């Protein structure tokens, strides 16, 4: 005989901002599958990027997360905050708005959550805060060197969020590695996805550097799993502190990605243009703190597996040259049309 408790007694009401996004769609599914009551908040800016079946949350709020009210958060025990301007190029379009959304907006949401009794706030920060740091893997105690408005806005939010963490309001600052991989809400403006999409459409992947820069990579589903792990495990020793999210084995130079692409795709060509002088980012990241804090959190998909899966996915959705030319699945093209509506 058991103790009489239902497994559902351990479930929570969880708000996901950005639940209709690239990572948020994965997180919604795995939290719903785990029995949690999920509330989604998303502006639904990218309907053309949906190319798979989405999990249905208990409630969907189609608004800017900055307009959420205490009533919207009623009964919510944890927030996974993924919404925001989501990469460096988009962050440069309107720097002030990037800071308002990613920085001040995130802190304001957390303050509201704390006020109404939410217990946990898990924030999507980024390893891009390390900027250019040479060949030594950077850990959470190393200096940051943000080289973009996007990275600067994430650090702004980290600083504000850390200040409001308490024993009763747990704040987790997840510095995520660069995401890649298949998702029901696809993006092709990420390095692995962009190169894979180029091959699928034209047979050619164009690397805009000499291939030497380092990037830490994480499959988008593994990133979603990390959010779930922090919400459910609640590692109190990391409360109010940044933690790098990824795996030591998944630090790669861009040319390593090119080698794997040529191995996995048939009859493809990877070229190195060495023209992207405006992107000085080059960093390796140390993930030991995550490994020590959550020893049960293992890599689900490595880069080789992820590229193979992505190839099959792109072929399945019949990604073609016209999609590349129209820049479908490229967020910056649509966000340019929407930004004025958010300011």
C-alpha atoms as a PDB file:
ATOM      1  CA  UNK A   1       0.000   0.000   0.000  1.00  0.00           C
ATOM      2  CA  UNK A   2       1.203   3.529  -0.713  1.00  0.00           C
ATOM      3  CA  UNK A   3       0.807   6.583   1.436  1.00  0.00           C
ATOM      4  CA  UNK A   4      -2.485   7.416  -0.223  1.00  0.00           C
ATOM      5  CA  UNK A   5      -1.193  10.544  -1.953  1.00  0.00           C
ATOM      6  CA  UNK A   6      -1.937  11.115  -5.602  1.00  0.00           C
ATOM      7  CA  UNK A   7       0.934  12.053  -7.918  1.00  0.00           C
ATOM      8  CA  UNK A   8      -1.144  15.069  -8.895  1.00  0.00           C
ATOM      9  CA  UNK A   9      -0.702  16.490  -5.403  1.00  0.00           C
ATOM     10  CA  UNK A  10       2.808  17.493  -6.457  1.00  0.00           C
ATOM     11  CA  UNK A  11       1.640  19.419  -9.493  1.00  0.00           C
ATOM     12  CA  UNK A  12       1.521  23.191  -9.686  1.00  0.00           C
ATOM     13  CA  UNK A  13      -0.119  26.042 -11.499  1.00  0.00           C
ATOM     14  CA  UNK A  14       2.662  27.455 -13.667  1.00  0.00           C
ATOM     15  CA  UNK A  15       2.695  30.547 -15.872  1.00  0.00           C
ATOM     16  CA  UNK A  16       4.901  30.411 -18.967  1.00  0.00           C
ATOM     17  CA  UNK A  17       5.569  33.724 -20.694  1.00  0.00           C
ATOM     18  CA  UNK A  18       6.533  33.102 -24.309  1.00  0.00           C
ATOM     19  CA  UNK A  19       4.762  29.736 -24.329  1.00  0.00           C
ATOM     20  CA  UNK A  20       4.116  29.967 -28.083  1.00  0.00           C
ATOM     21  CA  UNK A  21       7.811  30.441 -28.815  1.00  0.00           C
ATOM     22  CA  UNK A  22      10.688  28.247 -29.902  1.00  0.00           C
ATOM     23  CA  UNK A  23      11.565  26.914 -26.423  1.00  0.00           C
ATOM     24  CA  UNK A  24       8.286  27.816 -24.730  1.00  0.00           C
ATOM     25  CA  UNK A  25       6.322  25.435 -26.957  1.00  0.00           C
ATOM     26  CA  UNK A  26       8.516  22.556 -25.776  1.00  0.00           C
ATOM     27  CA  UNK A  27       8.213  23.645 -22.145  1.00  0.00           C
ATOM     28  CA  UNK A  28       4.435  23.889 -22.387  1.00  0.00           C
ATOM     29  CA  UNK A  29       4.198  20.343 -23.662  1.00  0.00           C
ATOM     30  CA  UNK A  30       6.462  18.754 -21.057  1.00  0.00           C
ATOM     31  CA  UNK A  31       4.786  20.601 -18.177  1.00  0.00           C
ATOM     32  CA  UNK A  32       1.296  19.689 -19.418  1.00  0.00           C
ATOM     33  CA  UNK A  33       2.427  16.083 -19.877  1.00  0.00           C
ATOM     34  CA  UNK A  34       3.707  16.122 -16.278  1.00  0.00           C
ATOM     35  CA  UNK A  35       0.234  17.054 -15.061  1.00  0.00           C
ATOM     36  CA  UNK A  36       0.846  20.697 -14.212  1.00  0.00           C
ATOM     37  CA  UNK A  37      -1.798  23.354 -14.795  1.00  0.00           C
ATOM     38  CA  UNK A  38      -0.172  25.634 -17.350  1.00  0.00           C
ATOM     39  CA  UNK A  39      -1.158  29.213 -18.082  1.00  0.00           C
ATOM     40  CA  UNK A  40       0.423  30.645 -21.215  1.00  0.00           C
ATOM     41  CA  UNK A  41       1.122  34.301 -21.937  1.00  0.00           C
ATOM     42  CA  UNK A  42       2.260  35.200 -25.444  1.00  0.00           C
ATOM     43  CA  UNK A  43       1.613  37.918 -28.000  1.00  0.00           C
ATOM     44  CA  UNK A  44       1.510  35.280 -30.747  1.00  0.00           C
ATOM     45  CA  UNK A  45       3.720  37.357 -33.022  1.00  0.00           C
ATOM     46  CA  UNK A  46       4.939  34.475 -35.165  1.00  0.00           C
ATOM     47  CA  UNK A  47       2.009  32.312 -36.335  1.00  0.00           C
ATOM     48  CA  UNK A  48       3.802  31.557 -39.609  1.00  0.00           C
ATOM     49  CA  UNK A  49       6.557  29.813 -37.636  1.00  0.00           C
ATOM     50  CA  UNK A  50       4.221  27.148 -36.276  1.00  0.00           C
ATOM     51  CA  UNK A  51       4.965  23.905 -38.089  1.00  0.00           C
ATOM     52  CA  UNK A  52       3.965  21.256 -35.569  1.00  0.00           C
ATOM     53  CA  UNK A  53       1.303  20.393 -33.024  1.00  0.00           C
ATOM     54  CA  UNK A  54       1.226  22.610 -29.938  1.00  0.00           C
ATOM     55  CA  UNK A  55       0.214  21.528 -26.455  1.00  0.00           C
ATOM     56  CA  UNK A  56      -2.861  23.336 -25.145  1.00  0.00           C
ATOM     57  CA  UNK A  57      -2.463  25.169 -21.831  1.00  0.00           C
ATOM     58  CA  UNK A  58      -5.337  25.415 -19.354  1.00  0.00           C
ATOM     59  CA  UNK A  59      -5.546  29.124 -20.197  1.00  0.00           C
ATOM     60  CA  UNK A  60      -3.945  31.216 -22.927  1.00  0.00           C
ATOM     61  CA  UNK A  61      -3.392  34.943 -22.388  1.00  0.00           C
ATOM     62  CA  UNK A  62      -2.622  36.753 -25.647  1.00  0.00           C
ATOM     63  CA  UNK A  63      -1.033  39.915 -24.243  1.00  0.00           C
ATOM     64  CA  UNK A  64       2.308  41.567 -23.596  1.00  0.00           C
ATOM     65  CA  UNK A  65       3.590  40.104 -20.329  1.00  0.00           C
ATOM     66  CA  UNK A  66       4.125  43.663 -19.098  1.00  0.00           C
ATOM     67  CA  UNK A  67       0.350  44.074 -18.919  1.00  0.00           C
ATOM     68  CA  UNK A  68      -0.248  41.056 -16.658  1.00  0.00           C
ATOM     69  CA  UNK A  69      -2.247  41.820 -13.519  1.00  0.00           C
ATOM     70  CA  UNK A  70      -2.513  40.360 -10.040  1.00  0.00           C
ATOM     71  CA  UNK A  71      -5.714  38.654 -11.161  1.00  0.00           C
ATOM     72  CA  UNK A  72      -3.850  36.961 -14.024  1.00  0.00           C
ATOM     73  CA  UNK A  73      -1.383  35.529 -11.492  1.00  0.00           C
ATOM     74  CA  UNK A  74      -4.020  34.290  -9.058  1.00  0.00           C
ATOM     75  CA  UNK A  75      -3.084  30.826  -7.826  1.00  0.00           C
ATOM     76  CA  UNK A  76       0.156  30.723  -9.829  1.00  0.00           C
ATOM     77  CA  UNK A  77       2.963  29.060  -7.867  1.00  0.00           C
ATOM     78  CA  UNK A  78       5.805  29.374 -10.387  1.00  0.00           C
ATOM     79  CA  UNK A  79       6.642  31.474 -13.430  1.00  0.00           C
ATOM     80  CA  UNK A  80       8.913  30.435 -16.298  1.00  0.00           C
ATOM     81  CA  UNK A  81       9.769  33.756 -17.922  1.00  0.00           C
ATOM     82  CA  UNK A  82      10.917  33.174 -21.497  1.00  0.00           C
ATOM     83  CA  UNK A  83       9.207  36.055 -23.298  1.00  0.00           C
ATOM     84  CA  UNK A  84      11.235  38.951 -24.629  1.00  0.00           C
ATOM     85  CA  UNK A  85      13.338  40.245 -27.497  1.00  0.00           C
ATOM     86  CA  UNK A  86      15.106  37.000 -28.217  1.00  0.00           C
ATOM     87  CA  UNK A  87      18.506  37.588 -29.808  1.00  0.00           C
ATOM     88  CA  UNK A  88      21.236  40.114 -30.599  1.00  0.00           C
ATOM     89  CA  UNK A  89      20.038  41.375 -34.028  1.00  0.00           C
ATOM     90  CA  UNK A  90      16.496  41.999 -32.770  1.00  0.00           C
ATOM     91  CA  UNK A  91      17.839  43.736 -29.687  1.00  0.00           C
ATOM     92  CA  UNK A  92      19.642  46.310 -31.823  1.00  0.00           C
ATOM     93  CA  UNK A  93      16.525  47.464 -33.683  1.00  0.00           C
ATOM     94  CA  UNK A  94      15.270  49.491 -30.735  1.00  0.00           C
ATOM     95  CA  UNK A  95      17.736  49.398 -27.811  1.00  0.00           C
ATOM     96  CA  UNK A  96      15.471  51.317 -25.471  1.00  0.00           C
ATOM     97  CA  UNK A  97      12.597  48.946 -26.052  1.00  0.00           C
ATOM     98  CA  UNK A  98      14.895  45.940 -25.613  1.00  0.00           C
ATOM     99  CA  UNK A  99      15.887  47.207 -22.190  1.00  0.00           C
ATOM    100  CA  UNK A 100      12.271  48.011 -21.344  1.00  0.00           C
ATOM    101  CA  UNK A 101      11.041  44.522 -22.244  1.00  0.00           C
ATOM    102  CA  UNK A 102      13.923  42.223 -21.327  1.00  0.00           C
ATOM    103  CA  UNK A 103      15.241  44.279 -18.432  1.00  0.00           C
ATOM    104  CA  UNK A 104      12.786  46.519 -16.603  1.00  0.00           C
ATOM    105  CA  UNK A 105       9.742  44.549 -17.747  1.00  0.00           C
ATOM    106  CA  UNK A 106      11.129  41.299 -16.357  1.00  0.00           C
ATOM    107  CA  UNK A 107      11.894  42.872 -12.981  1.00  0.00           C
ATOM    108  CA  UNK A 108       8.449  44.466 -12.804  1.00  0.00           C
ATOM    109  CA  UNK A 109       6.784  41.120 -13.516  1.00  0.00           C
ATOM    110  CA  UNK A 110       8.837  39.459 -10.778  1.00  0.00           C
ATOM    111  CA  UNK A 111       7.921  42.181  -8.297  1.00  0.00           C
ATOM    112  CA  UNK A 112       4.242  41.665  -9.079  1.00  0.00           C
ATOM    113  CA  UNK A 113       4.671  37.912  -8.718  1.00  0.00           C
ATOM    114  CA  UNK A 114       6.353  38.314  -5.346  1.00  0.00           C
ATOM    115  CA  UNK A 115       3.611  40.660  -4.156  1.00  0.00           C
ATOM    116  CA  UNK A 116       0.795  38.231  -4.988  1.00  0.00           C
ATOM    117  CA  UNK A 117       2.510  35.175  -3.481  1.00  0.00           C
ATOM    118  CA  UNK A 118       4.141  33.350  -6.392  1.00  0.00           C
ATOM    119  CA  UNK A 119       6.870  31.108  -4.954  1.00  0.00           C
ATOM    120  CA  UNK A 120       9.318  30.678  -7.851  1.00  0.00           C
ATOM    121  CA  UNK A 121      10.489  32.821 -10.748  1.00  0.00           C
ATOM    122  CA  UNK A 122      12.738  31.209 -13.375  1.00  0.00           C
ATOM    123  CA  UNK A 123      14.287  33.726 -15.771  1.00  0.00           C
ATOM    124  CA  UNK A 124      15.713  33.069 -19.232  1.00  0.00           C
ATOM    125  CA  UNK A 125      19.060  34.856 -19.281  1.00  0.00           C
ATOM    126  CA  UNK A 126      21.875  34.030 -21.689  1.00  0.00           C
ATOM    127  CA  UNK A 127      25.511  32.938 -21.847  1.00  0.00           C
ATOM    128  CA  UNK A 128      25.944  35.765 -24.362  1.00  0.00           C
ATOM    129  CA  UNK A 129      26.611  37.999 -21.338  1.00  0.00           C
ATOM    130  CA  UNK A 130      30.184  36.632 -21.453  1.00  0.00           C
ATOM    131  CA  UNK A 131      30.743  38.260 -24.852  1.00  0.00           C
ATOM    132  CA  UNK A 132      34.303  37.638 -25.996  1.00  0.00           C
ATOM    133  CA  UNK A 133      36.307  35.780 -23.389  1.00  0.00           C
ATOM    134  CA  UNK A 134      39.042  33.772 -25.099  1.00  0.00           C
ATOM    135  CA  UNK A 135      39.575  30.033 -24.770  1.00  0.00           C
ATOM    136  CA  UNK A 136      39.094  29.559 -21.024  1.00  0.00           C
ATOM    137  CA  UNK A 137      35.540  28.424 -20.191  1.00  0.00           C
ATOM    138  CA  UNK A 138      33.731  31.109 -18.213  1.00  0.00           C
ATOM    139  CA  UNK A 139      31.912  30.338 -14.990  1.00  0.00           C
ATOM    140  CA  UNK A 140      29.372  32.336 -13.055  1.00  0.00           C
ATOM    141  CA  UNK A 141      32.040  34.138 -10.989  1.00  0.00           C
ATOM    142  CA  UNK A 142      33.922  35.448 -14.013  1.00  0.00           C
ATOM    143  CA  UNK A 143      33.452  39.019 -15.261  1.00  0.00           C
ATOM    144  CA  UNK A 144      30.769  39.524 -17.872  1.00  0.00           C
ATOM    145  CA  UNK A 145      31.369  41.359 -21.142  1.00  0.00           C
ATOM    146  CA  UNK A 146      28.067  42.050 -22.912  1.00  0.00           C
ATOM    147  CA  UNK A 147      28.602  43.048 -26.534  1.00  0.00           C
ATOM    148  CA  UNK A 148      24.983  43.700 -27.501  1.00  0.00           C
ATOM    149  CA  UNK A 149      21.846  45.419 -26.284  1.00  0.00           C
ATOM    150  CA  UNK A 150      20.300  41.974 -25.846  1.00  0.00           C
ATOM    151  CA  UNK A 151      23.064  40.775 -23.505  1.00  0.00           C
ATOM    152  CA  UNK A 152      23.061  44.091 -21.638  1.00  0.00           C
ATOM    153  CA  UNK A 153      19.309  43.823 -21.061  1.00  0.00           C
ATOM    154  CA  UNK A 154      19.718  40.328 -19.648  1.00  0.00           C
ATOM    155  CA  UNK A 155      22.345  41.503 -17.170  1.00  0.00           C
ATOM    156  CA  UNK A 156      20.115  44.411 -16.168  1.00  0.00           C
ATOM    157  CA  UNK A 157      17.325  41.957 -15.399  1.00  0.00           C
ATOM    158  CA  UNK A 158      19.661  39.602 -13.518  1.00  0.00           C
ATOM    159  CA  UNK A 159      20.783  42.413 -11.217  1.00  0.00           C
ATOM    160  CA  UNK A 160      17.238  43.528 -10.459  1.00  0.00           C
ATOM    161  CA  UNK A 161      15.909  40.008  -9.971  1.00  0.00           C
ATOM    162  CA  UNK A 162      18.731  38.977  -7.651  1.00  0.00           C
ATOM    163  CA  UNK A 163      17.833  41.823  -5.300  1.00  0.00           C
ATOM    164  CA  UNK A 164      14.285  40.605  -4.722  1.00  0.00           C
ATOM    165  CA  UNK A 165      15.045  36.925  -4.094  1.00  0.00           C
ATOM    166  CA  UNK A 166      14.116  35.783  -0.577  1.00  0.00           C
ATOM    167  CA  UNK A 167      13.539  32.569   1.342  1.00  0.00           C
ATOM    168  CA  UNK A 168       9.891  32.841   0.289  1.00  0.00           C
ATOM    169  CA  UNK A 169      10.408  33.989  -3.307  1.00  0.00           C
ATOM    170  CA  UNK A 170      12.959  31.881  -5.140  1.00  0.00           C
ATOM    171  CA  UNK A 171      14.549  33.463  -8.209  1.00  0.00           C
ATOM    172  CA  UNK A 172      16.621  31.416 -10.650  1.00  0.00           C
ATOM    173  CA  UNK A 173      18.720  33.172 -13.283  1.00  0.00           C
ATOM    174  CA  UNK A 174      19.350  30.694 -16.085  1.00  0.00           C
ATOM    175  CA  UNK A 175      22.191  31.740 -18.380  1.00  0.00           C
ATOM    176  CA  UNK A 176      21.288  29.525 -21.301  1.00  0.00           C
ATOM    177  CA  UNK A 177      23.702  28.311 -23.955  1.00  0.00           C
ATOM    178  CA  UNK A 178      22.798  29.000 -27.597  1.00  0.00           C
ATOM    179  CA  UNK A 179      19.723  26.991 -28.510  1.00  0.00           C
ATOM    180  CA  UNK A 180      19.270  24.899 -31.631  1.00  0.00           C
ATOM    181  CA  UNK A 181      17.174  21.995 -32.850  1.00  0.00           C
ATOM    182  CA  UNK A 182      13.712  21.122 -34.086  1.00  0.00           C
ATOM    183  CA  UNK A 183      10.660  22.743 -32.498  1.00  0.00           C
ATOM    184  CA  UNK A 184       6.979  22.994 -33.400  1.00  0.00           C
ATOM    185  CA  UNK A 185       7.583  26.766 -33.504  1.00  0.00           C
ATOM    186  CA  UNK A 186      10.711  26.853 -35.632  1.00  0.00           C
ATOM    187  CA  UNK A 187      13.502  29.431 -35.769  1.00  0.00           C
ATOM    188  CA  UNK A 188      16.209  29.497 -38.414  1.00  0.00           C
ATOM    189  CA  UNK A 189      18.010  32.555 -37.017  1.00  0.00           C
ATOM    190  CA  UNK A 190      20.202  30.468 -34.708  1.00  0.00           C
ATOM    191  CA  UNK A 191      23.597  29.291 -35.881  1.00  0.00           C
ATOM    192  CA  UNK A 192      23.003  25.519 -36.149  1.00  0.00           C
ATOM    193  CA  UNK A 193      19.472  25.969 -37.465  1.00  0.00           C
ATOM    194  CA  UNK A 194      20.521  28.641 -39.960  1.00  0.00           C
ATOM    195  CA  UNK A 195      23.307  26.515 -41.422  1.00  0.00           C
ATOM    196  CA  UNK A 196      21.064  23.440 -41.553  1.00  0.00           C
ATOM    197  CA  UNK A 197      18.274  25.385 -43.225  1.00  0.00           C
ATOM    198  CA  UNK A 198      20.722  26.737 -45.797  1.00  0.00           C
ATOM    199  CA  UNK A 199      21.769  23.227 -46.711  1.00  0.00           C
ATOM    200  CA  UNK A 200      18.173  22.018 -46.916  1.00  0.00           C
ATOM    201  CA  UNK A 201      17.188  24.898 -49.193  1.00  0.00           C
ATOM    202  CA  UNK A 202      20.255  25.293 -51.388  1.00  0.00           C
ATOM    203  CA  UNK A 203      22.789  22.610 -50.516  1.00  0.00           C
ATOM    204  CA  UNK A 204      25.135  25.268 -49.136  1.00  0.00           C
ATOM    205  CA  UNK A 205      25.769  26.438 -45.565  1.00  0.00           C
ATOM    206  CA  UNK A 206      27.453  29.849 -45.460  1.00  0.00           C
ATOM    207  CA  UNK A 207      29.460  30.532 -42.297  1.00  0.00           C
ATOM    208  CA  UNK A 208      30.087  34.267 -42.012  1.00  0.00           C
ATOM    209  CA  UNK A 209      33.321  33.861 -40.042  1.00  0.00           C
ATOM    210  CA  UNK A 210      36.423  31.739 -40.414  1.00  0.00           C
ATOM    211  CA  UNK A 211      34.769  29.178 -38.152  1.00  0.00           C
ATOM    212  CA  UNK A 212      37.042  29.764 -35.172  1.00  0.00           C
ATOM    213  CA  UNK A 213      34.611  31.417 -32.679  1.00  0.00           C
ATOM    214  CA  UNK A 214      33.415  29.273 -29.774  1.00  0.00           C
ATOM    215  CA  UNK A 215      29.759  28.810 -28.838  1.00  0.00           C
ATOM    216  CA  UNK A 216      28.140  26.746 -26.084  1.00  0.00           C
ATOM    217  CA  UNK A 217      25.142  24.939 -27.566  1.00  0.00           C
ATOM    218  CA  UNK A 218      22.044  23.325 -26.074  1.00  0.00           C
ATOM    219  CA  UNK A 219      19.157  21.552 -27.738  1.00  0.00           C
ATOM    220  CA  UNK A 220      15.945  23.561 -27.320  1.00  0.00           C
ATOM    221  CA  UNK A 221      14.201  20.620 -25.644  1.00  0.00           C
ATOM    222  CA  UNK A 222      17.054  20.280 -23.139  1.00  0.00           C
ATOM    223  CA  UNK A 223      16.697  23.995 -22.388  1.00  0.00           C
ATOM    224  CA  UNK A 224      12.999  23.478 -21.732  1.00  0.00           C
ATOM    225  CA  UNK A 225      13.828  20.516 -19.506  1.00  0.00           C
ATOM    226  CA  UNK A 226      16.145  22.761 -17.480  1.00  0.00           C
ATOM    227  CA  UNK A 227      13.279  25.153 -16.716  1.00  0.00           C
ATOM    228  CA  UNK A 228      11.102  22.233 -15.651  1.00  0.00           C
ATOM    229  CA  UNK A 229      13.913  20.916 -13.446  1.00  0.00           C
ATOM    230  CA  UNK A 230      14.381  24.236 -11.656  1.00  0.00           C
ATOM    231  CA  UNK A 231      10.653  24.633 -11.081  1.00  0.00           C
ATOM    232  CA  UNK A 232      10.167  21.123  -9.736  1.00  0.00           C
ATOM    233  CA  UNK A 233      13.469  20.592  -7.899  1.00  0.00           C
ATOM    234  CA  UNK A 234      13.756  24.125  -6.529  1.00  0.00           C
ATOM    235  CA  UNK A 235      17.546  24.113  -5.826  1.00  0.00           C
ATOM    236  CA  UNK A 236      17.514  26.684  -3.027  1.00  0.00           C
ATOM    237  CA  UNK A 237      21.326  27.025  -3.020  1.00  0.00           C
ATOM    238  CA  UNK A 238      21.033  28.782  -6.403  1.00  0.00           C
ATOM    239  CA  UNK A 239      18.332  31.203  -5.298  1.00  0.00           C
ATOM    240  CA  UNK A 240      19.163  34.688  -6.600  1.00  0.00           C
ATOM    241  CA  UNK A 241      22.314  33.511  -8.370  1.00  0.00           C
ATOM    242  CA  UNK A 242      23.101  33.085 -12.069  1.00  0.00           C
ATOM    243  CA  UNK A 243      23.745  29.563 -13.307  1.00  0.00           C
ATOM    244  CA  UNK A 244      25.048  28.525 -16.714  1.00  0.00           C
ATOM    245  CA  UNK A 245      22.678  26.119 -18.490  1.00  0.00           C
ATOM    246  CA  UNK A 246      24.316  23.635 -20.805  1.00  0.00           C
ATOM    247  CA  UNK A 247      26.903  20.861 -20.840  1.00  0.00           C
ATOM    248  CA  UNK A 248      30.703  21.025 -20.971  1.00  0.00           C
ATOM    249  CA  UNK A 249      30.827  18.579 -23.890  1.00  0.00           C
ATOM    250  CA  UNK A 250      28.639  20.925 -25.954  1.00  0.00           C
ATOM    251  CA  UNK A 251      31.133  23.788 -26.338  1.00  0.00           C
ATOM    252  CA  UNK A 252      31.961  23.923 -30.050  1.00  0.00           C
ATOM    253  CA  UNK A 253      33.820  26.062 -32.516  1.00  0.00           C
ATOM    254  CA  UNK A 254      31.630  27.007 -35.464  1.00  0.00           C
ATOM    255  CA  UNK A 255      33.886  24.970 -37.750  1.00  0.00           C
ATOM    256  CA  UNK A 256      33.043  21.895 -35.645  1.00  0.00           C
ATOM    257  CA  UNK A 257      29.400  22.473 -36.512  1.00  0.00           C
ATOM    258  CA  UNK A 258      30.391  22.662 -40.176  1.00  0.00           C
ATOM    259  CA  UNK A 259      32.199  19.320 -39.977  1.00  0.00           C
ATOM    260  CA  UNK A 260      29.160  17.610 -38.470  1.00  0.00           C
ATOM    261  CA  UNK A 261      26.865  19.166 -41.062  1.00  0.00           C
ATOM    262  CA  UNK A 262      28.976  17.764 -43.878  1.00  0.00           C
ATOM    263  CA  UNK A 263      28.932  14.327 -42.232  1.00  0.00           C
ATOM    264  CA  UNK A 264      25.179  14.237 -41.646  1.00  0.00           C
ATOM    265  CA  UNK A 265      23.803  15.961 -44.746  1.00  0.00           C
ATOM    266  CA  UNK A 266      24.311  14.318 -48.115  1.00  0.00           C
ATOM    267  CA  UNK A 267      26.087  16.285 -50.844  1.00  0.00           C
ATOM    268  CA  UNK A 268      26.309  19.570 -48.996  1.00  0.00           C
ATOM    269  CA  UNK A 269      28.918  22.317 -49.017  1.00  0.00           C
ATOM    270  CA  UNK A 270      30.003  24.421 -46.026  1.00  0.00           C
ATOM    271  CA  UNK A 271      31.718  27.687 -46.968  1.00  0.00           C
ATOM    272  CA  UNK A 272      33.533  30.165 -44.725  1.00  0.00           C
ATOM    273  CA  UNK A 273      33.108  33.779 -45.805  1.00  0.00           C
ATOM    274  CA  UNK A 274      34.949  35.500 -42.955  1.00  0.00           C
ATOM    275  CA  UNK A 275      32.861  38.633 -43.548  1.00  0.00           C
ATOM    276  CA  UNK A 276      30.985  39.012 -40.267  1.00  0.00           C
ATOM    277  CA  UNK A 277      33.291  41.581 -38.682  1.00  0.00           C
ATOM    278  CA  UNK A 278      30.403  42.958 -36.638  1.00  0.00           C
ATOM    279  CA  UNK A 279      30.090  39.805 -34.498  1.00  0.00           C
ATOM    280  CA  UNK A 280      33.048  39.603 -32.107  1.00  0.00           C
ATOM    281  CA  UNK A 281      31.380  37.071 -29.766  1.00  0.00           C
ATOM    282  CA  UNK A 282      33.662  34.190 -28.886  1.00  0.00           C
ATOM    283  CA  UNK A 283      33.222  32.318 -25.624  1.00  0.00           C
ATOM    284  CA  UNK A 284      33.373  28.894 -23.993  1.00  0.00           C
ATOM    285  CA  UNK A 285      31.327  28.238 -20.862  1.00  0.00           C
ATOM    286  CA  UNK A 286      31.825  26.157 -17.723  1.00  0.00           C
ATOM    287  CA  UNK A 287      28.713  24.260 -16.599  1.00  0.00           C
ATOM    288  CA  UNK A 288      30.122  22.687 -13.433  1.00  0.00           C
ATOM    289  CA  UNK A 289      27.789  24.602 -11.103  1.00  0.00           C
ATOM    290  CA  UNK A 290      24.729  23.168 -12.848  1.00  0.00           C
ATOM    291  CA  UNK A 291      26.221  19.677 -12.756  1.00  0.00           C
ATOM    292  CA  UNK A 292      26.925  19.913  -9.021  1.00  0.00           C
ATOM    293  CA  UNK A 293      23.591  21.514  -8.162  1.00  0.00           C
ATOM    294  CA  UNK A 294      21.383  19.204 -10.251  1.00  0.00           C
ATOM    295  CA  UNK A 295      23.369  15.967 -10.648  1.00  0.00           C
ATOM    296  CA  UNK A 296      20.357  14.204 -12.113  1.00  0.00           C
ATOM    297  CA  UNK A 297      20.090  16.602 -15.027  1.00  0.00           C
ATOM    298  CA  UNK A 298      21.745  14.942 -18.010  1.00  0.00           C
ATOM    299  CA  UNK A 299      22.108  15.895 -21.653  1.00  0.00           C
ATOM    300  CA  UNK A 300      19.173  14.601 -23.667  1.00  0.00           C
ATOM    301  CA  UNK A 301      20.377  15.444 -27.182  1.00  0.00           C
ATOM    302  CA  UNK A 302      23.947  16.140 -28.252  1.00  0.00           C
ATOM    303  CA  UNK A 303      24.884  18.182 -31.308  1.00  0.00           C
ATOM    304  CA  UNK A 304      25.298  15.228 -33.663  1.00  0.00           C
ATOM    305  CA  UNK A 305      21.909  13.816 -32.666  1.00  0.00           C
ATOM    306  CA  UNK A 306      20.316  17.261 -32.825  1.00  0.00           C
ATOM    307  CA  UNK A 307      21.583  18.013 -36.342  1.00  0.00           C
ATOM    308  CA  UNK A 308      20.343  14.646 -37.580  1.00  0.00           C
ATOM    309  CA  UNK A 309      16.928  15.245 -35.976  1.00  0.00           C
ATOM    310  CA  UNK A 310      16.808  18.759 -37.430  1.00  0.00           C
ATOM    311  CA  UNK A 311      17.612  17.440 -40.898  1.00  0.00           C
ATOM    312  CA  UNK A 312      14.695  15.014 -40.693  1.00  0.00           C
ATOM    313  CA  UNK A 313      12.409  17.759 -39.408  1.00  0.00           C
ATOM    314  CA  UNK A 314      13.310  20.231 -42.169  1.00  0.00           C
ATOM    315  CA  UNK A 315      12.723  17.558 -44.790  1.00  0.00           C
ATOM    316  CA  UNK A 316       9.423  16.618 -43.156  1.00  0.00           C
ATOM    317  CA  UNK A 317       8.077  20.186 -43.295  1.00  0.00           C
ATOM    318  CA  UNK A 318       9.443  20.508 -46.848  1.00  0.00           C
ATOM    319  CA  UNK A 319      11.637  23.501 -46.052  1.00  0.00           C
ATOM    320  CA  UNK A 320      12.691  24.927 -49.406  1.00  0.00           C
ATOM    321  CA  UNK A 321      14.455  27.780 -51.171  1.00  0.00           C
ATOM    322  CA  UNK A 322      11.288  29.908 -51.170  1.00  0.00           C
ATOM    323  CA  UNK A 323      11.131  29.692 -47.348  1.00  0.00           C
ATOM    324  CA  UNK A 324      14.739  30.868 -47.196  1.00  0.00           C
ATOM    325  CA  UNK A 325      14.142  33.733 -49.613  1.00  0.00           C
ATOM    326  CA  UNK A 326      11.020  34.865 -47.771  1.00  0.00           C
ATOM    327  CA  UNK A 327      12.932  34.497 -44.468  1.00  0.00           C
ATOM    328  CA  UNK A 328      10.185  32.419 -42.970  1.00  0.00           C
ATOM    329  CA  UNK A 329      11.139  31.349 -39.439  1.00  0.00           C
ATOM    330  CA  UNK A 330      13.451  34.389 -39.107  1.00  0.00           C
ATOM    331  CA  UNK A 331      12.136  36.393 -36.155  1.00  0.00           C
ATOM    332  CA  UNK A 332      13.701  39.753 -36.993  1.00  0.00           C
ATOM    333  CA  UNK A 333      11.687  40.123 -40.200  1.00  0.00           C
ATOM    334  CA  UNK A 334       8.375  39.896 -38.361  1.00  0.00           C
ATOM    335  CA  UNK A 335       9.500  41.754 -35.250  1.00  0.00           C
ATOM    336  CA  UNK A 336      10.355  44.835 -37.310  1.00  0.00           C
ATOM    337  CA  UNK A 337       6.678  45.046 -38.235  1.00  0.00           C
ATOM    338  CA  UNK A 338       5.511  44.609 -34.648  1.00  0.00           C
ATOM    339  CA  UNK A 339       7.915  46.626 -32.508  1.00  0.00           C
ATOM    340  CA  UNK A 340       6.106  49.917 -32.908  1.00  0.00           C
ATOM    341  CA  UNK A 341       2.988  48.280 -31.510  1.00  0.00           C
ATOM    342  CA  UNK A 342       4.844  47.374 -28.306  1.00  0.00           C
ATOM    343  CA  UNK A 343       6.414  50.762 -27.554  1.00  0.00           C
END
